Amino acid sequence: MTTQTTKSLAQGKKHHCYIAAPFFNPDQITRVALVETLLEKHGLTYFSPRKQSAIGPISDADVRKKAFQMNVDGIEDAEFLIAITDGKDMGTIFEAGHAFATNIPIIYVAFTLGKDGMFNLMLSESGKAACRTVEELEAAILGKEIYYEGLIE
């Protein structure tokens, strides 16, 4: 998040993007890092819970409440949200729902979906893009809307 950016932020926003994603195993961390790198490539700042608010499994109530509030604030302080839906992480889905409810555009990413996979109806209709590849994600970050046209679950 410390990259210098030439892209101006919308009034009142602290960062361009909030990254909603699970980061509990090496494959998930690799996907989040890919998104972080892609945003940096385009001079965009981001809030990534993996870096800014991750807590351990035995955290006390105060730590949990602080991390939760940091994430909610991070969503509300973003111009848009990228949600990596691979693995159907409940926290990621909550974050996307909060973004939708507060009129923050959502880019969904489903790298493991493949060309014949099924995507969730509520997600497909709530986002400005549903991406299956890095190329689609990059196009969406640059403003292209990508409507999901595959099978729905």
N, C-alpha and C. Protein backbone atom coordinates (compact mmCIF):
# COMPACT_ATOMS: atom_id res chain seq x y z
N MET A 1 0.81 -1.19 0.00
CA MET A 1 0.00 0.00 0.00
C MET A 1 0.85 1.26 0.00
N THR A 2 2.12 1.14 0.13
CA THR A 2 2.97 2.31 0.23
C THR A 2 3.46 2.81 -1.12
N THR A 3 2.93 2.30 -2.21
CA THR A 3 3.37 2.76 -3.52
C THR A 3 2.95 4.20 -3.75
N GLN A 4 3.83 4.95 -4.40
CA GLN A 4 3.47 6.31 -4.83
C GLN A 4 2.57 6.17 -6.04
N THR A 5 1.53 6.94 -6.09
CA THR A 5 0.59 6.82 -7.19
C THR A 5 0.39 8.14 -7.90
N THR A 6 0.19 8.07 -9.19
CA THR A 6 -0.13 9.27 -9.96
C THR A 6 -1.63 9.34 -10.20
N LYS A 7 -2.34 8.31 -9.84
CA LYS A 7 -3.79 8.28 -10.00
C LYS A 7 -4.42 9.02 -8.82
N SER A 8 -5.27 9.99 -9.12
CA SER A 8 -5.89 10.73 -8.02
C SER A 8 -7.03 9.91 -7.42
N LEU A 9 -7.22 10.11 -6.14
CA LEU A 9 -8.28 9.42 -5.42
C LEU A 9 -9.55 10.24 -5.45
N ALA A 10 -10.68 9.56 -5.43
CA ALA A 10 -11.97 10.25 -5.31
C ALA A 10 -12.00 10.98 -3.98
N GLN A 11 -12.72 12.04 -3.93
CA GLN A 11 -12.80 12.84 -2.71
C GLN A 11 -13.26 11.99 -1.54
N GLY A 12 -12.53 12.08 -0.45
CA GLY A 12 -12.88 11.37 0.77
C GLY A 12 -12.39 9.94 0.84
N LYS A 13 -11.76 9.42 -0.21
CA LYS A 13 -11.27 8.05 -0.21
C LYS A 13 -9.79 8.01 0.15
N LYS A 14 -9.38 6.97 0.86
CA LYS A 14 -7.99 6.84 1.29
C LYS A 14 -7.16 5.95 0.37
N HIS A 15 -7.83 5.07 -0.36
CA HIS A 15 -7.11 4.18 -1.28
C HIS A 15 -8.03 3.83 -2.45
N HIS A 16 -7.42 3.37 -3.50
CA HIS A 16 -8.19 3.03 -4.69
C HIS A 16 -9.00 1.74 -4.51
N CYS A 17 -8.39 0.75 -3.88
CA CYS A 17 -8.99 -0.59 -3.86
C CYS A 17 -8.89 -1.24 -2.49
N TYR A 18 -9.90 -2.03 -2.17
CA TYR A 18 -9.87 -2.93 -1.02
C TYR A 18 -9.83 -4.33 -1.61
N ILE A 19 -8.92 -5.16 -1.13
CA ILE A 19 -8.80 -6.53 -1.62
C ILE A 19 -9.46 -7.48 -0.62
N ALA A 20 -10.59 -8.05 -1.02
CA ALA A 20 -11.30 -9.02 -0.19
C ALA A 20 -10.92 -10.41 -0.68
N ALA A 21 -10.29 -11.18 0.18
CA ALA A 21 -9.82 -12.50 -0.25
C ALA A 21 -9.37 -13.33 0.93
N PRO A 22 -9.49 -14.65 0.82
CA PRO A 22 -8.90 -15.50 1.85
C PRO A 22 -7.38 -15.53 1.66
N PHE A 23 -6.65 -15.70 2.76
CA PHE A 23 -5.18 -15.78 2.68
C PHE A 23 -4.68 -16.77 3.74
N PHE A 24 -5.28 -17.96 3.72
CA PHE A 24 -5.02 -18.95 4.75
C PHE A 24 -4.13 -20.10 4.30
N ASN A 25 -3.79 -20.16 3.01
CA ASN A 25 -2.88 -21.20 2.52
C ASN A 25 -2.05 -20.62 1.39
N PRO A 26 -1.00 -21.31 0.97
CA PRO A 26 -0.09 -20.75 -0.04
C PRO A 26 -0.78 -20.38 -1.37
N ASP A 27 -1.73 -21.18 -1.85
CA ASP A 27 -2.42 -20.85 -3.10
C ASP A 27 -3.22 -19.56 -2.97
N GLN A 28 -3.90 -19.38 -1.85
CA GLN A 28 -4.67 -18.16 -1.62
C GLN A 28 -3.75 -16.95 -1.52
N ILE A 29 -2.65 -17.08 -0.82
CA ILE A 29 -1.70 -15.98 -0.69
C ILE A 29 -1.13 -15.61 -2.05
N THR A 30 -0.86 -16.60 -2.88
CA THR A 30 -0.34 -16.33 -4.23
C THR A 30 -1.35 -15.51 -5.03
N ARG A 31 -2.64 -15.84 -4.95
CA ARG A 31 -3.66 -15.09 -5.68
C ARG A 31 -3.77 -13.65 -5.18
N VAL A 32 -3.74 -13.46 -3.86
CA VAL A 32 -3.81 -12.11 -3.31
C VAL A 32 -2.58 -11.31 -3.73
N ALA A 33 -1.41 -11.91 -3.66
CA ALA A 33 -0.18 -11.22 -4.05
C ALA A 33 -0.23 -10.83 -5.53
N LEU A 34 -0.81 -11.67 -6.35
CA LEU A 34 -0.95 -11.34 -7.77
C LEU A 34 -1.80 -10.08 -7.96
N VAL A 35 -2.91 -10.00 -7.23
CA VAL A 35 -3.79 -8.82 -7.30
C VAL A 35 -3.05 -7.59 -6.79
N GLU A 36 -2.34 -7.73 -5.67
CA GLU A 36 -1.58 -6.60 -5.14
C GLU A 36 -0.57 -6.09 -6.17
N THR A 37 0.15 -7.01 -6.80
CA THR A 37 1.15 -6.64 -7.80
C THR A 37 0.51 -5.96 -9.00
N LEU A 38 -0.62 -6.45 -9.44
CA LEU A 38 -1.31 -5.86 -10.58
C LEU A 38 -1.77 -4.43 -10.26
N LEU A 39 -2.29 -4.22 -9.08
CA LEU A 39 -2.69 -2.87 -8.67
C LEU A 39 -1.48 -1.94 -8.62
N GLU A 40 -0.38 -2.41 -8.05
CA GLU A 40 0.85 -1.62 -7.99
C GLU A 40 1.35 -1.27 -9.38
N LYS A 41 1.26 -2.22 -10.29
CA LYS A 41 1.69 -2.00 -11.68
C LYS A 41 0.98 -0.79 -12.28
N HIS A 42 -0.26 -0.58 -11.91
CA HIS A 42 -1.05 0.52 -12.46
C HIS A 42 -1.10 1.74 -11.54
N GLY A 43 -0.21 1.77 -10.54
CA GLY A 43 -0.10 2.92 -9.66
C GLY A 43 -1.29 3.12 -8.75
N LEU A 44 -1.96 2.04 -8.40
CA LEU A 44 -3.15 2.12 -7.55
C LEU A 44 -2.81 1.68 -6.12
N THR A 45 -3.31 2.41 -5.16
CA THR A 45 -3.11 2.05 -3.76
C THR A 45 -4.21 1.08 -3.34
N TYR A 46 -3.93 0.34 -2.28
CA TYR A 46 -4.92 -0.64 -1.83
C TYR A 46 -4.82 -0.87 -0.33
N PHE A 47 -5.93 -1.38 0.21
CA PHE A 47 -5.97 -1.91 1.57
C PHE A 47 -6.09 -3.41 1.42
N SER A 48 -5.13 -4.14 1.93
CA SER A 48 -5.15 -5.60 1.88
C SER A 48 -5.14 -6.12 3.30
N PRO A 49 -6.25 -6.72 3.77
CA PRO A 49 -6.28 -7.25 5.13
C PRO A 49 -5.11 -8.20 5.41
N ARG A 50 -4.64 -8.87 4.39
CA ARG A 50 -3.49 -9.77 4.55
C ARG A 50 -2.29 -9.01 5.12
N LYS A 51 -2.15 -7.76 4.72
CA LYS A 51 -1.01 -6.95 5.17
C LYS A 51 -1.37 -6.01 6.32
N GLN A 52 -2.60 -5.49 6.34
CA GLN A 52 -2.93 -4.43 7.28
C GLN A 52 -3.67 -4.87 8.54
N SER A 53 -4.38 -6.00 8.51
CA SER A 53 -5.21 -6.31 9.69
C SER A 53 -5.31 -7.79 10.01
N ALA A 54 -4.41 -8.59 9.52
CA ALA A 54 -4.47 -10.03 9.80
C ALA A 54 -4.25 -10.30 11.28
N ILE A 55 -5.00 -11.24 11.81
CA ILE A 55 -4.85 -11.63 13.22
C ILE A 55 -4.72 -13.14 13.31
N GLY A 56 -4.24 -13.61 14.42
CA GLY A 56 -4.09 -15.05 14.65
C GLY A 56 -5.38 -15.68 15.11
N PRO A 57 -5.45 -16.99 15.14
CA PRO A 57 -6.68 -17.69 15.50
C PRO A 57 -7.06 -17.57 16.98
N ILE A 58 -6.14 -17.14 17.85
CA ILE A 58 -6.43 -17.08 19.27
C ILE A 58 -6.54 -15.63 19.75
N SER A 59 -6.74 -14.70 18.85
CA SER A 59 -6.79 -13.28 19.21
C SER A 59 -7.92 -13.00 20.20
N ASP A 60 -7.66 -12.08 21.11
CA ASP A 60 -8.69 -11.74 22.09
C ASP A 60 -9.75 -10.85 21.47
N ALA A 61 -10.82 -10.61 22.22
CA ALA A 61 -11.98 -9.88 21.71
C ALA A 61 -11.63 -8.49 21.22
N ASP A 62 -10.77 -7.78 21.93
CA ASP A 62 -10.41 -6.42 21.52
C ASP A 62 -9.65 -6.42 20.19
N VAL A 63 -8.76 -7.38 20.03
CA VAL A 63 -8.01 -7.48 18.77
C VAL A 63 -8.96 -7.81 17.62
N ARG A 64 -9.88 -8.73 17.84
CA ARG A 64 -10.84 -9.09 16.79
C ARG A 64 -11.70 -7.89 16.40
N LYS A 65 -12.20 -7.15 17.40
CA LYS A 65 -13.04 -5.98 17.12
C LYS A 65 -12.25 -4.92 16.35
N LYS A 66 -11.00 -4.71 16.72
CA LYS A 66 -10.17 -3.72 16.03
C LYS A 66 -9.94 -4.15 14.58
N ALA A 67 -9.62 -5.42 14.36
CA ALA A 67 -9.39 -5.91 13.00
C ALA A 67 -10.66 -5.80 12.16
N PHE A 68 -11.80 -6.16 12.73
CA PHE A 68 -13.08 -6.05 12.03
C PHE A 68 -13.33 -4.60 11.61
N GLN A 69 -13.15 -3.67 12.54
CA GLN A 69 -13.41 -2.26 12.23
C GLN A 69 -12.42 -1.72 11.20
N MET A 70 -11.17 -2.16 11.28
CA MET A 70 -10.18 -1.74 10.27
C MET A 70 -10.62 -2.19 8.88
N ASN A 71 -11.15 -3.41 8.79
CA ASN A 71 -11.60 -3.92 7.50
C ASN A 71 -12.83 -3.18 7.00
N VAL A 72 -13.80 -2.94 7.86
CA VAL A 72 -14.99 -2.18 7.45
C VAL A 72 -14.58 -0.79 6.98
N ASP A 73 -13.71 -0.13 7.75
CA ASP A 73 -13.23 1.20 7.35
C ASP A 73 -12.47 1.12 6.03
N GLY A 74 -11.68 0.06 5.87
CA GLY A 74 -10.92 -0.11 4.63
C GLY A 74 -11.84 -0.23 3.42
N ILE A 75 -12.94 -0.95 3.56
CA ILE A 75 -13.91 -1.07 2.48
C ILE A 75 -14.51 0.30 2.17
N GLU A 76 -14.96 0.98 3.20
CA GLU A 76 -15.64 2.27 3.00
C GLU A 76 -14.70 3.36 2.51
N ASP A 77 -13.40 3.19 2.72
CA ASP A 77 -12.41 4.16 2.27
C ASP A 77 -11.86 3.83 0.88
N ALA A 78 -12.46 2.85 0.19
CA ALA A 78 -11.97 2.44 -1.12
C ALA A 78 -12.89 2.93 -2.24
N GLU A 79 -12.29 3.18 -3.40
CA GLU A 79 -13.07 3.54 -4.59
C GLU A 79 -13.76 2.31 -5.16
N PHE A 80 -13.10 1.15 -5.07
CA PHE A 80 -13.68 -0.10 -5.55
C PHE A 80 -13.10 -1.26 -4.76
N LEU A 81 -13.73 -2.42 -4.88
CA LEU A 81 -13.32 -3.61 -4.15
C LEU A 81 -13.08 -4.75 -5.14
N ILE A 82 -11.99 -5.46 -4.95
CA ILE A 82 -11.74 -6.70 -5.69
C ILE A 82 -11.98 -7.84 -4.73
N ALA A 83 -12.87 -8.77 -5.10
CA ALA A 83 -13.18 -9.93 -4.27
C ALA A 83 -12.74 -11.20 -4.98
N ILE A 84 -11.78 -11.90 -4.39
CA ILE A 84 -11.35 -13.19 -4.93
C ILE A 84 -12.27 -14.25 -4.33
N THR A 85 -13.09 -14.84 -5.19
CA THR A 85 -14.13 -15.76 -4.71
C THR A 85 -13.69 -17.23 -4.69
N ASP A 86 -12.50 -17.53 -5.18
CA ASP A 86 -12.01 -18.91 -5.15
C ASP A 86 -12.05 -19.42 -3.70
N GLY A 87 -12.65 -20.54 -3.48
CA GLY A 87 -12.75 -21.12 -2.15
C GLY A 87 -13.98 -20.70 -1.37
N LYS A 88 -14.75 -19.75 -1.91
CA LYS A 88 -16.00 -19.30 -1.30
C LYS A 88 -15.84 -18.96 0.18
N ASP A 89 -14.86 -18.11 0.47
CA ASP A 89 -14.58 -17.67 1.83
C ASP A 89 -15.70 -16.77 2.34
N MET A 90 -16.24 -17.08 3.51
CA MET A 90 -17.37 -16.32 4.06
C MET A 90 -17.02 -14.86 4.35
N GLY A 91 -15.81 -14.60 4.82
CA GLY A 91 -15.41 -13.22 5.09
C GLY A 91 -15.37 -12.39 3.82
N THR A 92 -14.88 -12.98 2.74
CA THR A 92 -14.82 -12.29 1.45
C THR A 92 -16.23 -11.95 0.97
N ILE A 93 -17.15 -12.88 1.12
CA ILE A 93 -18.52 -12.64 0.68
C ILE A 93 -19.17 -11.54 1.54
N PHE A 94 -18.90 -11.55 2.84
CA PHE A 94 -19.40 -10.47 3.70
C PHE A 94 -18.86 -9.12 3.22
N GLU A 95 -17.56 -9.06 2.94
CA GLU A 95 -16.93 -7.81 2.51
C GLU A 95 -17.54 -7.31 1.20
N ALA A 96 -17.78 -8.22 0.27
CA ALA A 96 -18.41 -7.83 -1.00
C ALA A 96 -19.83 -7.33 -0.76
N GLY A 97 -20.57 -7.99 0.11
CA GLY A 97 -21.93 -7.53 0.42
C GLY A 97 -21.94 -6.15 1.04
N HIS A 98 -20.98 -5.89 1.92
CA HIS A 98 -20.88 -4.56 2.53
C HIS A 98 -20.55 -3.51 1.47
N ALA A 99 -19.64 -3.85 0.57
CA ALA A 99 -19.30 -2.91 -0.51
C ALA A 99 -20.53 -2.61 -1.36
N PHE A 100 -21.26 -3.64 -1.74
CA PHE A 100 -22.47 -3.44 -2.54
C PHE A 100 -23.47 -2.55 -1.81
N ALA A 101 -23.67 -2.81 -0.53
CA ALA A 101 -24.64 -2.05 0.26
C ALA A 101 -24.24 -0.58 0.41
N THR A 102 -22.95 -0.29 0.26
CA THR A 102 -22.47 1.09 0.39
C THR A 102 -22.07 1.69 -0.95
N ASN A 103 -22.58 1.08 -2.04
CA ASN A 103 -22.38 1.60 -3.41
C ASN A 103 -20.93 1.67 -3.84
N ILE A 104 -20.13 0.72 -3.39
CA ILE A 104 -18.74 0.63 -3.83
C ILE A 104 -18.68 -0.44 -4.91
N PRO A 105 -18.23 -0.09 -6.11
CA PRO A 105 -18.18 -1.07 -7.21
C PRO A 105 -17.30 -2.28 -6.85
N ILE A 106 -17.73 -3.45 -7.34
CA ILE A 106 -17.05 -4.70 -7.04
C ILE A 106 -16.57 -5.37 -8.32
N ILE A 107 -15.32 -5.82 -8.28
CA ILE A 107 -14.76 -6.67 -9.33
C ILE A 107 -14.56 -8.04 -8.70
N TYR A 108 -15.27 -9.04 -9.20
CA TYR A 108 -15.10 -10.40 -8.70
C TYR A 108 -14.04 -11.11 -9.51
N VAL A 109 -13.27 -11.96 -8.83
CA VAL A 109 -12.23 -12.75 -9.47
C VAL A 109 -12.45 -14.20 -9.08
N ALA A 110 -12.52 -15.06 -10.09
CA ALA A 110 -12.70 -16.50 -9.85
C ALA A 110 -11.72 -17.24 -10.74
N PHE A 111 -10.44 -17.21 -10.37
CA PHE A 111 -9.40 -17.82 -11.19
C PHE A 111 -9.61 -19.32 -11.36
N THR A 112 -10.12 -20.02 -10.34
CA THR A 112 -10.25 -21.47 -10.40
C THR A 112 -11.59 -21.91 -11.00
N LEU A 113 -12.41 -20.97 -11.41
CA LEU A 113 -13.73 -21.31 -11.96
C LEU A 113 -13.62 -22.05 -13.29
N GLY A 114 -12.68 -21.64 -14.11
CA GLY A 114 -12.55 -22.26 -15.44
C GLY A 114 -13.65 -21.79 -16.36
N LYS A 115 -13.58 -22.21 -17.62
CA LYS A 115 -14.56 -21.72 -18.60
C LYS A 115 -15.93 -22.36 -18.44
N ASP A 116 -16.03 -23.51 -17.78
CA ASP A 116 -17.32 -24.20 -17.64
C ASP A 116 -17.84 -24.23 -16.21
N GLY A 117 -17.22 -23.50 -15.32
CA GLY A 117 -17.65 -23.48 -13.92
C GLY A 117 -18.93 -22.69 -13.74
N MET A 118 -19.53 -22.83 -12.57
CA MET A 118 -20.76 -22.11 -12.25
C MET A 118 -20.44 -21.01 -11.24
N PHE A 119 -21.02 -19.83 -11.47
CA PHE A 119 -20.80 -18.67 -10.61
C PHE A 119 -22.11 -18.32 -9.92
N ASN A 120 -22.02 -17.75 -8.75
CA ASN A 120 -23.20 -17.42 -7.96
C ASN A 120 -23.99 -16.27 -8.57
N LEU A 121 -25.31 -16.41 -8.63
CA LEU A 121 -26.20 -15.40 -9.18
C LEU A 121 -26.05 -14.05 -8.49
N MET A 122 -26.08 -14.03 -7.15
CA MET A 122 -26.02 -12.77 -6.42
C MET A 122 -24.71 -12.04 -6.65
N LEU A 123 -23.63 -12.80 -6.79
CA LEU A 123 -22.35 -12.17 -7.07
C LEU A 123 -22.31 -11.66 -8.50
N SER A 124 -22.75 -12.48 -9.43
CA SER A 124 -22.66 -12.07 -10.84
C SER A 124 -23.46 -10.80 -11.11
N GLU A 125 -24.56 -10.62 -10.42
CA GLU A 125 -25.41 -9.45 -10.67
C GLU A 125 -25.02 -8.23 -9.83
N SER A 126 -24.17 -8.40 -8.84
CA SER A 126 -23.82 -7.27 -7.98
C SER A 126 -22.49 -6.62 -8.36
N GLY A 127 -21.75 -7.23 -9.25
CA GLY A 127 -20.44 -6.68 -9.60
C GLY A 127 -20.41 -5.96 -10.93
N LYS A 128 -19.40 -5.12 -11.09
CA LYS A 128 -19.20 -4.47 -12.38
C LYS A 128 -18.37 -5.37 -13.29
N ALA A 129 -17.77 -6.40 -12.72
CA ALA A 129 -16.99 -7.35 -13.52
C ALA A 129 -16.90 -8.67 -12.77
N ALA A 130 -16.84 -9.75 -13.55
CA ALA A 130 -16.59 -11.09 -13.02
C ALA A 130 -15.49 -11.67 -13.90
N CYS A 131 -14.30 -11.80 -13.35
CA CYS A 131 -13.11 -12.15 -14.11
C CYS A 131 -12.66 -13.57 -13.80
N ARG A 132 -12.19 -14.24 -14.85
CA ARG A 132 -11.66 -15.60 -14.68
C ARG A 132 -10.17 -15.68 -14.95
N THR A 133 -9.62 -14.63 -15.55
CA THR A 133 -8.20 -14.63 -15.92
C THR A 133 -7.53 -13.34 -15.45
N VAL A 134 -6.22 -13.36 -15.41
CA VAL A 134 -5.45 -12.17 -15.06
C VAL A 134 -5.71 -11.07 -16.07
N GLU A 135 -5.83 -11.45 -17.34
CA GLU A 135 -6.07 -10.46 -18.40
C GLU A 135 -7.42 -9.77 -18.21
N GLU A 136 -8.44 -10.54 -17.87
CA GLU A 136 -9.74 -9.93 -17.60
C GLU A 136 -9.68 -9.03 -16.38
N LEU A 137 -8.98 -9.47 -15.34
CA LEU A 137 -8.86 -8.66 -14.13
C LEU A 137 -8.17 -7.34 -14.44
N GLU A 138 -7.11 -7.38 -15.21
CA GLU A 138 -6.41 -6.15 -15.55
C GLU A 138 -7.32 -5.21 -16.34
N ALA A 139 -8.08 -5.75 -17.28
CA ALA A 139 -9.02 -4.93 -18.05
C ALA A 139 -10.07 -4.31 -17.13
N ALA A 140 -10.56 -5.06 -16.16
CA ALA A 140 -11.57 -4.55 -15.22
C ALA A 140 -10.98 -3.45 -14.34
N ILE A 141 -9.77 -3.64 -13.88
CA ILE A 141 -9.10 -2.62 -13.07
C ILE A 141 -8.98 -1.32 -13.86
N LEU A 142 -8.78 -1.45 -15.16
CA LEU A 142 -8.65 -0.27 -16.02
C LEU A 142 -10.00 0.28 -16.47
N GLY A 143 -11.09 -0.30 -15.96
CA GLY A 143 -12.41 0.27 -16.19
C GLY A 143 -13.38 -0.52 -17.04
N LYS A 144 -12.96 -1.63 -17.61
CA LYS A 144 -13.86 -2.42 -18.46
C LYS A 144 -14.86 -3.19 -17.60
N GLU A 145 -16.13 -3.12 -17.99
CA GLU A 145 -17.14 -3.94 -17.32
C GLU A 145 -17.18 -5.29 -18.01
N ILE A 146 -17.16 -6.35 -17.22
CA ILE A 146 -17.15 -7.70 -17.76
C ILE A 146 -18.33 -8.46 -17.14
N TYR A 147 -19.40 -8.58 -17.91
CA TYR A 147 -20.60 -9.25 -17.43
C TYR A 147 -20.40 -10.76 -17.48
N TYR A 148 -20.75 -11.44 -16.41
CA TYR A 148 -20.62 -12.89 -16.37
C TYR A 148 -21.71 -13.54 -17.20
N GLU A 149 -21.29 -14.34 -18.18
CA GLU A 149 -22.24 -14.97 -19.10
C GLU A 149 -22.24 -16.48 -19.03
N GLY A 150 -21.64 -17.06 -18.00
CA GLY A 150 -21.58 -18.51 -17.88
C GLY A 150 -22.74 -19.08 -17.09
N LEU A 151 -22.56 -20.30 -16.66
CA LEU A 151 -23.58 -21.00 -15.88
C LEU A 151 -23.70 -20.39 -14.48
N ILE A 152 -24.91 -20.38 -13.97
CA ILE A 152 -25.20 -19.77 -12.66
C ILE A 152 -25.61 -20.86 -11.68
N GLU A 153 -25.14 -20.72 -10.44
CA GLU A 153 -25.57 -21.63 -9.37
C GLU A 153 -26.40 -20.87 -8.38
